[in-house]
Protein backbone atom coordinates (compact mmCIF):
# COMPACT_ATOMS: atom_id res chain seq x y z
CA MET A 1 0.02 -0.01 -0.02
CA SER A 2 1.31 3.42 -0.96
CA LYS A 3 0.69 6.77 0.67
CA PHE A 4 -0.47 7.94 -2.86
CA ASP A 5 -3.40 5.43 -2.90
CA ILE A 6 -5.88 8.07 -1.92
CA LEU A 7 -5.12 9.70 -5.27
CA THR A 8 -4.06 6.84 -7.56
CA LYS A 9 -7.42 5.07 -6.85
CA TYR A 10 -8.80 7.64 -9.29
CA ILE A 11 -6.95 6.16 -12.32
CA PRO A 12 -9.72 3.71 -13.32
CA LEU A 13 -12.50 6.16 -12.22
CA ILE A 14 -11.21 8.94 -14.53
CA LYS A 15 -11.30 6.59 -17.39
CA ALA A 16 -14.94 5.80 -16.78
CA ASP A 17 -16.27 9.22 -15.71
CA ASN A 18 -17.65 12.12 -17.80
CA ILE A 19 -15.64 14.54 -15.63
CA GLY A 20 -17.96 17.47 -16.10
CA GLU A 21 -19.40 20.02 -18.55
CA TRP A 22 -20.00 23.63 -18.96
CA VAL A 23 -23.37 24.84 -17.82
CA ILE A 24 -24.67 27.71 -19.87
CA ASP A 25 -27.98 29.55 -19.00
CA LYS A 26 -30.17 29.31 -22.08
CA GLU A 27 -33.42 29.85 -20.12
CA ASN A 28 -33.10 33.35 -18.87
CA ASP A 29 -33.24 36.49 -21.10
CA GLY A 30 -31.09 38.90 -19.04
CA THR A 31 -33.96 41.09 -17.84
CA PRO A 32 -34.03 42.19 -14.19
CA GLU A 33 -36.70 39.50 -13.54
CA HIS A 34 -34.75 36.76 -15.35
CA PRO A 35 -30.94 37.56 -15.01
CA ILE A 36 -28.62 35.32 -16.94
CA GLN A 37 -26.45 33.15 -14.84
CA LEU A 38 -22.74 33.20 -15.78
CA PRO A 39 -21.43 30.04 -17.39
CA PHE A 40 -19.77 27.52 -14.98
CA VAL A 41 -18.41 24.02 -15.04
CA GLY A 42 -20.61 21.46 -13.34
CA TYR A 43 -18.12 18.70 -12.16
CA SER A 44 -18.95 15.07 -11.63
CA GLU A 45 -19.13 13.60 -8.11
CA MET A 46 -15.85 11.83 -8.90
CA VAL A 47 -14.06 15.11 -9.58
CA ASN A 48 -15.43 16.72 -6.49
CA ASN A 49 -14.17 13.75 -4.43
CA PHE A 50 -10.77 13.96 -6.17
CA ILE A 51 -10.49 17.75 -5.23
CA GLN A 52 -11.38 16.81 -1.63
CA ASP A 53 -8.93 13.99 -1.47
CA ILE A 54 -6.03 16.20 -2.87
CA TYR A 55 -6.51 18.56 0.01
CA ILE A 56 -6.72 15.67 2.51
CA PHE A 57 -3.46 14.43 1.12
CA GLU A 58 -1.84 17.69 1.47
CA GLN A 59 -3.01 18.11 5.04
CA SER A 60 -1.80 14.57 5.83
CA ASN A 61 1.62 15.01 4.14
CA LYS A 62 2.95 18.41 5.24
CA ASP A 63 6.43 17.24 4.53
CA MET A 64 5.69 17.36 0.76
CA GLU A 65 5.09 21.05 1.06
CA LEU A 66 2.36 21.12 -1.54
CA THR A 67 1.14 24.61 -0.54
CA ARG A 68 4.42 25.63 -2.29
CA TYR A 69 3.31 24.06 -5.58
CA GLY A 70 4.36 27.16 -7.66
CA ASP A 71 7.85 27.15 -6.20
CA ILE A 72 8.17 23.30 -6.55
CA LEU A 73 7.29 23.61 -10.23
CA LYS A 74 9.77 26.49 -10.73
CA GLU A 75 12.52 24.47 -9.04
CA ASN A 76 11.90 21.76 -11.58
CA GLY A 77 11.92 24.06 -14.55
CA LEU A 78 8.16 24.41 -14.97
CA GLU A 79 5.88 27.37 -14.71
CA TRP A 80 2.48 27.34 -13.04
CA GLY A 81 0.65 27.84 -16.27
CA THR A 82 -1.46 25.80 -18.52
CA GLU A 83 0.95 25.33 -21.43
CA SER A 84 3.98 24.60 -19.34
CA MET A 85 2.12 22.12 -17.00
CA LYS A 86 0.45 20.31 -20.02
CA LYS A 87 3.85 19.93 -21.71
CA ALA A 88 5.65 18.75 -18.71
CA ASP A 89 7.72 15.59 -19.26
CA VAL A 90 6.93 13.63 -16.14
CA SER A 91 9.24 10.76 -16.99
CA ASN A 92 12.08 12.06 -14.71
CA LEU A 93 9.98 14.05 -12.14
CA ASN A 94 9.84 13.06 -8.47
CA ALA A 95 6.69 12.52 -6.45
CA GLN A 96 6.66 16.04 -5.05
CA CYS A 97 6.78 17.64 -8.37
CA VAL A 98 4.12 15.44 -9.87
CA LEU A 99 1.89 16.25 -6.91
CA ALA A 100 2.64 19.93 -7.33
CA LEU A 101 1.35 19.62 -10.87
CA ILE A 102 -1.87 18.06 -9.56
CA MET A 103 -2.21 20.67 -6.82
CA GLY A 104 -1.45 23.49 -9.42
CA ALA A 105 -4.27 22.18 -11.62
CA VAL A 106 -6.65 21.97 -8.75
CA ARG A 107 -5.68 25.47 -7.61
CA ALA A 108 -6.01 26.92 -11.17
CA GLU A 109 -9.71 26.30 -11.10
CA ARG A 110 -10.05 28.88 -8.36
CA PHE A 111 -8.74 31.57 -10.66
CA CYS A 112 -10.04 30.35 -14.06
CA ASP A 113 -13.39 28.48 -14.43
CA GLY A 114 -12.81 25.27 -16.50
CA ALA A 115 -9.10 25.08 -16.00
CA LEU A 116 -9.32 21.77 -14.14
CA LEU A 117 -11.80 20.43 -16.71
CA ASP A 118 -9.16 21.10 -19.39
CA TYR A 119 -6.38 19.21 -17.44
CA PHE A 120 -8.84 16.27 -17.09
CA LYS A 121 -10.11 16.21 -20.59
CA THR A 122 -6.61 16.46 -22.10
CA GLY A 123 -5.41 13.51 -20.10
CA CYS A 124 -2.96 15.42 -17.93
CA ILE A 125 -4.50 14.44 -14.56
CA LEU A 126 -4.55 10.76 -15.62
CA LYS A 127 -0.98 10.92 -16.89
CA TRP A 128 0.29 12.58 -13.60
CA LEU A 129 -1.62 9.98 -11.53
CA GLU A 130 -0.22 7.11 -13.56
CA LYS A 131 3.38 8.56 -12.94
CA LEU A 132 2.58 8.88 -9.27
CA ASN A 133 1.39 5.29 -9.29
CA SER A 134 4.76 4.09 -10.82
CA ILE A 135 6.84 5.93 -8.13
CA LYS A 136 5.38 3.91 -5.22
């Protein structure tokens, strides 16, 4: 059993899940009586559980210093940005850096709606979890 199991258990779940989708208000017309709701991503229960588990992992593994995800990425020649993170070659990254990629993706959602959806849909989260699974 690995300390990463709380996260790697999502590998088969991601493959079978729809992840989420954009919810766009098509019912309201923008009048004061019927204001249009801004678009947002409705994530699946699996994604919401994954987000919760990444924070549980961070709290339980303070030695990994995942609140420093931006600095950890920088120390490994990566930027906390979509393109840099998506293009990251994980083959030589250690567990801390792979976890920083995951944490960075989860945190990105707080600043940009749909960021996490993109990391899931492009296969990045799955790739990072599979790398984490191989580190055990």
